[in-house]
Amino acid sequence: MSNQIKILFICHGNICRSTMAESVMTHLVKQKHLEYNFIIASAGTSREELGNPVHYGTVQKLRQVGIPVIPHRATQMTKQDYEEYDYLIGMDTANIRNINRIAGGDPEGKVYKLLSFAGSGRDVADPWYTGDFEATYRDVLAGCEGLLKYLQQQGRI
């Protein structure tokens, strides 16, 4: 299906926020029976966590709220990802800067900060540093719900 919406969620290490967003968005589209309209993945801008599984704090938080965790091993975003995906969604300002560096810019306007879809310019705080997976989950959920609403308003779904 060539008209699928391809979304890549991106954070620094690809074990906390981007994997949480991948699981949350996958869950939201399945609830709406839209999973065949989407390809949803995640990546990091660094190589620090390559091959590592989803952070236990993310796993624990998603289990608490009944959202299945997408099986995942950390990968790094590549320049090719810019060509392959329709939306490259970073979690914070540093991620956006690194996404643009890896992609060589954003000539097609595909790069967004997640909370922009929730009407905020704020960064999604990194629970690797804060330890607050609850706050991260609230932000990720708001961003993913906003993204879904945005796609509906754009006539994409």
N, C-alpha and C. Protein backbone atom coordinates (compact mmCIF):
# COMPACT_ATOMS: atom_id res chain seq x y z
N MET A 1 0.85 -1.18 0.00
CA MET A 1 0.00 0.00 0.00
C MET A 1 0.90 1.24 0.00
N SER A 2 1.00 1.91 -1.11
CA SER A 2 1.95 3.00 -1.26
C SER A 2 1.48 4.29 -0.60
N ASN A 3 0.18 4.40 -0.28
CA ASN A 3 -0.28 5.63 0.34
C ASN A 3 -0.28 5.55 1.86
N GLN A 4 0.46 4.59 2.41
CA GLN A 4 0.58 4.51 3.86
C GLN A 4 1.33 5.73 4.39
N ILE A 5 0.98 6.14 5.59
CA ILE A 5 1.64 7.25 6.25
C ILE A 5 2.81 6.67 7.03
N LYS A 6 4.02 7.12 6.70
CA LYS A 6 5.22 6.58 7.32
C LYS A 6 5.77 7.58 8.33
N ILE A 7 5.79 7.15 9.61
CA ILE A 7 6.21 8.02 10.71
C ILE A 7 7.42 7.42 11.40
N LEU A 8 8.44 8.24 11.59
CA LEU A 8 9.62 7.83 12.35
C LEU A 8 9.75 8.75 13.56
N PHE A 9 9.60 8.16 14.76
CA PHE A 9 9.79 8.91 16.00
C PHE A 9 11.27 8.84 16.37
N ILE A 10 11.83 9.98 16.76
CA ILE A 10 13.27 10.04 16.97
C ILE A 10 13.60 10.74 18.29
N CYS A 11 14.50 10.12 19.06
CA CYS A 11 15.04 10.76 20.26
C CYS A 11 16.56 10.57 20.24
N HIS A 12 17.20 10.71 21.36
CA HIS A 12 18.66 10.62 21.39
C HIS A 12 19.15 9.18 21.26
N GLY A 13 18.71 8.32 22.17
CA GLY A 13 19.26 6.97 22.21
C GLY A 13 18.36 5.89 21.65
N ASN A 14 17.07 6.20 21.45
CA ASN A 14 16.09 5.26 20.91
C ASN A 14 15.77 4.11 21.87
N ILE A 15 15.74 4.41 23.18
CA ILE A 15 15.31 3.39 24.13
C ILE A 15 14.20 3.88 25.05
N CYS A 16 13.99 5.19 25.16
CA CYS A 16 12.97 5.73 26.08
C CYS A 16 11.82 6.40 25.33
N ARG A 17 12.04 7.65 24.91
CA ARG A 17 10.95 8.47 24.37
C ARG A 17 10.47 8.03 23.00
N SER A 18 11.37 7.80 22.07
CA SER A 18 10.93 7.44 20.71
C SER A 18 10.27 6.07 20.69
N THR A 19 10.77 5.14 21.51
CA THR A 19 10.13 3.82 21.56
C THR A 19 8.77 3.92 22.23
N MET A 20 8.66 4.80 23.22
CA MET A 20 7.36 5.02 23.86
C MET A 20 6.37 5.58 22.84
N ALA A 21 6.82 6.57 22.06
CA ALA A 21 5.95 7.17 21.04
C ALA A 21 5.56 6.15 19.97
N GLU A 22 6.50 5.30 19.57
CA GLU A 22 6.20 4.25 18.58
C GLU A 22 5.10 3.33 19.11
N SER A 23 5.22 2.91 20.36
CA SER A 23 4.22 2.00 20.95
C SER A 23 2.88 2.70 21.15
N VAL A 24 2.91 3.94 21.64
CA VAL A 24 1.66 4.69 21.87
C VAL A 24 0.94 4.94 20.55
N MET A 25 1.64 5.42 19.54
CA MET A 25 1.00 5.72 18.25
C MET A 25 0.46 4.45 17.61
N THR A 26 1.21 3.37 17.69
CA THR A 26 0.74 2.09 17.14
C THR A 26 -0.55 1.67 17.83
N HIS A 27 -0.60 1.83 19.15
CA HIS A 27 -1.79 1.49 19.92
C HIS A 27 -2.98 2.37 19.51
N LEU A 28 -2.75 3.67 19.38
CA LEU A 28 -3.84 4.59 19.01
C LEU A 28 -4.42 4.27 17.64
N VAL A 29 -3.56 3.99 16.67
CA VAL A 29 -4.09 3.70 15.32
C VAL A 29 -4.80 2.34 15.29
N LYS A 30 -4.33 1.39 16.09
CA LYS A 30 -5.03 0.08 16.16
C LYS A 30 -6.40 0.25 16.79
N GLN A 31 -6.52 1.10 17.80
CA GLN A 31 -7.81 1.35 18.43
C GLN A 31 -8.82 1.90 17.42
N LYS A 32 -8.32 2.65 16.46
CA LYS A 32 -9.19 3.26 15.44
C LYS A 32 -9.26 2.40 14.17
N HIS A 33 -8.68 1.20 14.24
CA HIS A 33 -8.66 0.26 13.09
C HIS A 33 -8.01 0.89 11.86
N LEU A 34 -6.95 1.66 12.09
CA LEU A 34 -6.24 2.34 11.00
C LEU A 34 -4.82 1.80 10.81
N GLU A 35 -4.48 0.70 11.49
CA GLU A 35 -3.10 0.23 11.48
C GLU A 35 -2.55 -0.05 10.08
N TYR A 36 -3.42 -0.39 9.15
CA TYR A 36 -2.93 -0.69 7.79
C TYR A 36 -2.62 0.58 7.00
N ASN A 37 -3.00 1.73 7.55
CA ASN A 37 -2.71 3.01 6.90
C ASN A 37 -1.34 3.55 7.30
N PHE A 38 -0.67 2.89 8.24
CA PHE A 38 0.54 3.44 8.83
C PHE A 38 1.72 2.47 8.81
N ILE A 39 2.90 3.06 8.70
CA ILE A 39 4.15 2.39 9.04
C ILE A 39 4.76 3.28 10.12
N ILE A 40 4.96 2.71 11.31
CA ILE A 40 5.44 3.49 12.46
C ILE A 40 6.70 2.83 12.99
N ALA A 41 7.74 3.62 13.16
CA ALA A 41 9.01 3.10 13.65
C ALA A 41 9.67 4.16 14.54
N SER A 42 10.84 3.83 15.06
CA SER A 42 11.58 4.79 15.87
C SER A 42 13.08 4.59 15.66
N ALA A 43 13.83 5.65 15.97
CA ALA A 43 15.29 5.61 15.84
C ALA A 43 15.87 6.66 16.78
N GLY A 44 17.18 6.62 16.92
CA GLY A 44 17.89 7.61 17.72
C GLY A 44 18.85 8.40 16.84
N THR A 45 19.30 9.53 17.36
CA THR A 45 20.28 10.31 16.60
C THR A 45 21.71 9.93 16.99
N SER A 46 21.86 9.19 18.09
CA SER A 46 23.21 8.81 18.54
C SER A 46 23.40 7.30 18.37
N ARG A 47 24.63 6.88 18.59
CA ARG A 47 24.96 5.45 18.51
C ARG A 47 25.09 4.84 19.91
N GLU A 48 24.85 5.64 20.94
CA GLU A 48 25.14 5.24 22.32
C GLU A 48 24.42 3.98 22.77
N GLU A 49 23.19 3.77 22.32
CA GLU A 49 22.39 2.64 22.80
C GLU A 49 22.15 1.58 21.73
N LEU A 50 22.85 1.65 20.61
CA LEU A 50 22.60 0.74 19.49
C LEU A 50 22.47 -0.71 19.96
N GLY A 51 21.38 -1.36 19.51
CA GLY A 51 21.15 -2.75 19.83
C GLY A 51 20.50 -3.01 21.17
N ASN A 52 20.38 -1.98 22.00
CA ASN A 52 19.79 -2.17 23.33
C ASN A 52 18.26 -2.22 23.24
N PRO A 53 17.63 -2.94 24.18
CA PRO A 53 16.17 -3.03 24.18
C PRO A 53 15.53 -1.76 24.74
N VAL A 54 14.21 -1.72 24.67
CA VAL A 54 13.43 -0.62 25.22
C VAL A 54 13.75 -0.49 26.72
N HIS A 55 13.94 0.73 27.19
CA HIS A 55 14.28 0.99 28.59
C HIS A 55 13.19 0.42 29.51
N TYR A 56 13.60 -0.18 30.62
CA TYR A 56 12.65 -0.81 31.54
C TYR A 56 11.62 0.19 32.07
N GLY A 57 12.00 1.47 32.22
CA GLY A 57 11.05 2.48 32.69
C GLY A 57 9.93 2.72 31.68
N THR A 58 10.27 2.70 30.39
CA THR A 58 9.27 2.82 29.33
C THR A 58 8.38 1.59 29.33
N VAL A 59 8.99 0.41 29.42
CA VAL A 59 8.22 -0.84 29.44
C VAL A 59 7.24 -0.83 30.62
N GLN A 60 7.74 -0.47 31.79
CA GLN A 60 6.93 -0.46 33.01
C GLN A 60 5.76 0.51 32.88
N LYS A 61 6.01 1.73 32.38
CA LYS A 61 4.94 2.74 32.26
C LYS A 61 3.89 2.28 31.26
N LEU A 62 4.31 1.74 30.12
CA LEU A 62 3.34 1.30 29.11
C LEU A 62 2.51 0.13 29.63
N ARG A 63 3.13 -0.76 30.37
CA ARG A 63 2.38 -1.88 30.98
C ARG A 63 1.32 -1.35 31.95
N GLN A 64 1.68 -0.33 32.73
CA GLN A 64 0.74 0.26 33.70
C GLN A 64 -0.52 0.77 33.01
N VAL A 65 -0.37 1.32 31.82
CA VAL A 65 -1.51 1.91 31.11
C VAL A 65 -2.10 0.98 30.06
N GLY A 66 -1.60 -0.26 30.01
CA GLY A 66 -2.17 -1.27 29.11
C GLY A 66 -1.84 -1.10 27.65
N ILE A 67 -0.71 -0.49 27.35
CA ILE A 67 -0.28 -0.33 25.95
C ILE A 67 0.82 -1.33 25.66
N PRO A 68 0.62 -2.20 24.65
CA PRO A 68 1.67 -3.18 24.32
C PRO A 68 2.95 -2.49 23.86
N VAL A 69 4.07 -2.98 24.34
CA VAL A 69 5.38 -2.45 23.95
C VAL A 69 5.80 -3.11 22.64
N ILE A 70 6.12 -2.30 21.65
CA ILE A 70 6.60 -2.82 20.37
C ILE A 70 8.00 -3.40 20.60
N PRO A 71 8.22 -4.68 20.25
CA PRO A 71 9.57 -5.24 20.40
C PRO A 71 10.55 -4.40 19.57
N HIS A 72 11.67 -4.02 20.17
CA HIS A 72 12.56 -3.08 19.49
C HIS A 72 13.98 -3.17 20.02
N ARG A 73 14.93 -2.96 19.16
CA ARG A 73 16.34 -2.77 19.53
C ARG A 73 16.75 -1.43 18.94
N ALA A 74 17.47 -0.65 19.72
CA ALA A 74 17.83 0.71 19.31
C ALA A 74 18.60 0.73 17.99
N THR A 75 18.20 1.65 17.12
CA THR A 75 18.86 1.88 15.85
C THR A 75 19.17 3.37 15.73
N GLN A 76 20.03 3.70 14.78
CA GLN A 76 20.35 5.11 14.54
C GLN A 76 19.69 5.57 13.24
N MET A 77 19.15 6.76 13.29
CA MET A 77 18.57 7.37 12.10
C MET A 77 19.65 7.53 11.03
N THR A 78 19.24 7.34 9.76
CA THR A 78 20.16 7.52 8.63
C THR A 78 19.61 8.58 7.68
N LYS A 79 20.46 9.04 6.80
CA LYS A 79 20.03 10.00 5.77
C LYS A 79 18.91 9.40 4.92
N GLN A 80 18.97 8.09 4.65
CA GLN A 80 17.95 7.40 3.86
C GLN A 80 16.57 7.47 4.52
N ASP A 81 16.54 7.51 5.86
CA ASP A 81 15.25 7.60 6.56
C ASP A 81 14.49 8.85 6.15
N TYR A 82 15.22 9.92 5.85
CA TYR A 82 14.54 11.16 5.43
C TYR A 82 13.75 10.92 4.14
N GLU A 83 14.32 10.16 3.23
CA GLU A 83 13.64 9.86 1.96
C GLU A 83 12.47 8.90 2.18
N GLU A 84 12.65 7.97 3.11
CA GLU A 84 11.69 6.87 3.30
C GLU A 84 10.44 7.28 4.08
N TYR A 85 10.56 8.20 5.03
CA TYR A 85 9.44 8.54 5.91
C TYR A 85 8.79 9.86 5.52
N ASP A 86 7.48 9.97 5.82
CA ASP A 86 6.72 11.20 5.57
C ASP A 86 6.89 12.20 6.71
N TYR A 87 7.02 11.66 7.92
CA TYR A 87 7.14 12.50 9.11
C TYR A 87 8.30 11.98 9.95
N LEU A 88 9.24 12.86 10.28
CA LEU A 88 10.34 12.54 11.18
C LEU A 88 10.11 13.41 12.41
N ILE A 89 9.75 12.78 13.52
CA ILE A 89 9.26 13.51 14.67
C ILE A 89 10.23 13.38 15.84
N GLY A 90 10.88 14.49 16.16
CA GLY A 90 11.83 14.52 17.25
C GLY A 90 11.16 14.88 18.57
N MET A 91 11.82 14.51 19.65
CA MET A 91 11.26 14.73 20.98
C MET A 91 11.69 16.06 21.59
N ASP A 92 12.83 16.59 21.15
CA ASP A 92 13.30 17.85 21.72
C ASP A 92 14.11 18.64 20.70
N THR A 93 14.48 19.84 21.09
CA THR A 93 15.19 20.75 20.19
C THR A 93 16.52 20.16 19.72
N ALA A 94 17.24 19.51 20.62
CA ALA A 94 18.52 18.88 20.24
C ALA A 94 18.29 17.77 19.22
N ASN A 95 17.22 17.00 19.39
CA ASN A 95 16.90 15.95 18.41
C ASN A 95 16.64 16.56 17.04
N ILE A 96 15.89 17.65 17.00
CA ILE A 96 15.56 18.30 15.72
C ILE A 96 16.85 18.76 15.04
N ARG A 97 17.74 19.36 15.80
CA ARG A 97 19.02 19.82 15.25
C ARG A 97 19.80 18.62 14.68
N ASN A 98 19.84 17.52 15.41
CA ASN A 98 20.57 16.33 14.96
C ASN A 98 19.90 15.64 13.78
N ILE A 99 18.57 15.63 13.75
CA ILE A 99 17.84 15.06 12.61
C ILE A 99 18.21 15.84 11.35
N ASN A 100 18.18 17.17 11.45
CA ASN A 100 18.52 18.01 10.29
C ASN A 100 19.97 17.82 9.86
N ARG A 101 20.86 17.62 10.83
CA ARG A 101 22.28 17.37 10.51
C ARG A 101 22.42 16.04 9.75
N ILE A 102 21.78 14.99 10.25
CA ILE A 102 21.88 13.67 9.62
C ILE A 102 21.23 13.69 8.24
N ALA A 103 20.07 14.34 8.14
CA ALA A 103 19.34 14.37 6.86
C ALA A 103 19.93 15.35 5.87
N GLY A 104 20.77 16.28 6.33
CA GLY A 104 21.30 17.31 5.45
C GLY A 104 20.30 18.42 5.22
N GLY A 105 19.48 18.69 6.24
CA GLY A 105 18.45 19.74 6.14
C GLY A 105 17.07 19.12 6.05
N ASP A 106 16.07 19.97 5.88
CA ASP A 106 14.67 19.53 5.80
C ASP A 106 13.97 20.22 4.65
N PRO A 107 14.43 19.98 3.39
CA PRO A 107 13.86 20.69 2.25
C PRO A 107 12.38 20.38 2.00
N GLU A 108 11.90 19.21 2.45
CA GLU A 108 10.51 18.82 2.19
C GLU A 108 9.59 19.09 3.37
N GLY A 109 10.11 19.69 4.45
CA GLY A 109 9.27 20.03 5.60
C GLY A 109 8.69 18.81 6.31
N LYS A 110 9.51 17.80 6.50
CA LYS A 110 9.06 16.55 7.13
C LYS A 110 9.40 16.46 8.61
N VAL A 111 10.22 17.37 9.11
CA VAL A 111 10.73 17.28 10.48
C VAL A 111 9.86 18.13 11.42
N TYR A 112 9.39 17.50 12.49
CA TYR A 112 8.52 18.15 13.47
C TYR A 112 8.99 17.81 14.87
N LYS A 113 8.64 18.67 15.82
CA LYS A 113 8.82 18.33 17.23
C LYS A 113 7.48 17.77 17.71
N LEU A 114 7.50 16.67 18.46
CA LEU A 114 6.28 15.97 18.83
C LEU A 114 5.24 16.87 19.48
N LEU A 115 5.64 17.67 20.44
CA LEU A 115 4.65 18.47 21.16
C LEU A 115 4.07 19.62 20.34
N SER A 116 4.62 19.87 19.15
CA SER A 116 4.00 20.88 18.28
C SER A 116 2.60 20.43 17.88
N PHE A 117 2.36 19.11 17.85
CA PHE A 117 1.03 18.58 17.51
C PHE A 117 0.06 18.71 18.68
N ALA A 118 0.59 19.04 19.86
CA ALA A 118 -0.24 19.26 21.04
C ALA A 118 -0.30 20.75 21.37
N GLY A 119 0.10 21.57 20.41
CA GLY A 119 0.01 23.02 20.58
C GLY A 119 1.07 23.61 21.49
N SER A 120 2.21 22.94 21.59
CA SER A 120 3.27 23.40 22.50
C SER A 120 4.62 23.38 21.80
N GLY A 121 5.47 24.31 22.18
CA GLY A 121 6.84 24.31 21.67
C GLY A 121 7.80 23.58 22.61
N ARG A 122 7.24 23.04 23.71
CA ARG A 122 8.07 22.39 24.72
C ARG A 122 8.74 21.14 24.19
N ASP A 123 9.84 20.79 24.85
CA ASP A 123 10.52 19.51 24.61
C ASP A 123 9.85 18.44 25.45
N VAL A 124 9.88 17.19 24.98
CA VAL A 124 9.51 16.04 25.81
C VAL A 124 10.75 15.75 26.65
N ALA A 125 10.62 15.87 27.96
CA ALA A 125 11.77 15.65 28.84
C ALA A 125 12.26 14.21 28.73
N ASP A 126 13.57 14.06 28.77
CA ASP A 126 14.18 12.74 28.63
C ASP A 126 14.18 12.02 29.98
N PRO A 127 13.40 10.94 30.10
CA PRO A 127 13.32 10.25 31.39
C PRO A 127 14.61 9.52 31.75
N TRP A 128 15.52 9.39 30.81
CA TRP A 128 16.84 8.83 31.10
C TRP A 128 17.50 9.69 32.18
N TYR A 129 17.26 11.01 32.09
CA TYR A 129 17.83 11.96 33.04
C TYR A 129 16.88 12.30 34.17
N THR A 130 15.58 12.45 33.85
CA THR A 130 14.62 12.90 34.87
C THR A 130 14.11 11.75 35.73
N GLY A 131 14.08 10.54 35.17
CA GLY A 131 13.49 9.39 35.87
C GLY A 131 11.98 9.45 35.92
N ASP A 132 11.38 10.48 35.32
CA ASP A 132 9.93 10.69 35.39
C ASP A 132 9.24 10.18 34.11
N PHE A 133 9.00 8.88 34.07
CA PHE A 133 8.38 8.28 32.91
C PHE A 133 6.90 8.64 32.80
N GLU A 134 6.30 9.01 33.92
CA GLU A 134 4.89 9.44 33.91
C GLU A 134 4.74 10.75 33.13
N ALA A 135 5.59 11.73 33.41
CA ALA A 135 5.53 13.02 32.69
C ALA A 135 5.82 12.80 31.21
N THR A 136 6.80 11.96 30.92
CA THR A 136 7.13 11.66 29.52
C THR A 136 5.94 11.01 28.82
N TYR A 137 5.29 10.07 29.50
CA TYR A 137 4.12 9.41 28.91
C TYR A 137 3.01 10.41 28.62
N ARG A 138 2.74 11.31 29.56
CA ARG A 138 1.67 12.31 29.34
C ARG A 138 1.98 13.15 28.10
N ASP A 139 3.23 13.58 27.96
CA ASP A 139 3.63 14.38 26.80
C ASP A 139 3.54 13.56 25.51
N VAL A 140 4.03 12.33 25.55
CA VAL A 140 4.01 11.48 24.35
C VAL A 140 2.57 11.21 23.93
N LEU A 141 1.70 10.90 24.88
CA LEU A 141 0.30 10.64 24.56
C LEU A 141 -0.35 11.88 23.94
N ALA A 142 -0.12 13.05 24.54
CA ALA A 142 -0.69 14.29 24.00
C ALA A 142 -0.17 14.56 22.59
N GLY A 143 1.12 14.35 22.37
CA GLY A 143 1.71 14.56 21.04
C GLY A 143 1.16 13.59 20.01
N CYS A 144 1.03 12.33 20.37
CA CYS A 144 0.54 11.31 19.43
C CYS A 144 -0.94 11.54 19.11
N GLU A 145 -1.73 11.87 20.14
CA GLU A 145 -3.15 12.18 19.89
C GLU A 145 -3.27 13.41 18.98
N GLY A 146 -2.44 14.41 19.23
CA GLY A 146 -2.44 15.61 18.39
C GLY A 146 -2.03 15.30 16.96
N LEU A 147 -1.04 14.42 16.80
CA LEU A 147 -0.59 14.02 15.47
C LEU A 147 -1.71 13.33 14.71
N LEU A 148 -2.43 12.45 15.37
CA LEU A 148 -3.54 11.75 14.73
C LEU A 148 -4.62 12.74 14.30
N LYS A 149 -4.92 13.70 15.16
CA LYS A 149 -5.90 14.73 14.84
C LYS A 149 -5.43 15.56 13.65
N TYR A 150 -4.15 15.93 13.65
CA TYR A 150 -3.55 16.69 12.55
C TYR A 150 -3.69 15.93 11.22
N LEU A 151 -3.40 14.64 11.25
CA LEU A 151 -3.49 13.83 10.02
C LEU A 151 -4.93 13.75 9.52
N GLN A 152 -5.87 13.69 10.46
CA GLN A 152 -7.29 13.70 10.06
C GLN A 152 -7.66 15.04 9.43
N GLN A 153 -7.21 16.13 10.07
CA GLN A 153 -7.50 17.47 9.54
C GLN A 153 -6.88 17.69 8.16
N GLN A 154 -5.75 17.05 7.91
CA GLN A 154 -5.06 17.18 6.63
C GLN A 154 -5.68 16.27 5.56
N GLY A 155 -6.66 15.45 5.97
CA GLY A 155 -7.29 14.53 5.04
C GLY A 155 -6.45 13.31 4.70
N ARG A 156 -5.43 13.03 5.53
CA ARG A 156 -4.55 11.89 5.29
C ARG A 156 -5.21 10.57 5.71
N ILE A 157 -6.12 10.64 6.70
CA ILE A 157 -6.82 9.43 7.16
C ILE A 157 -8.30 9.72 7.31
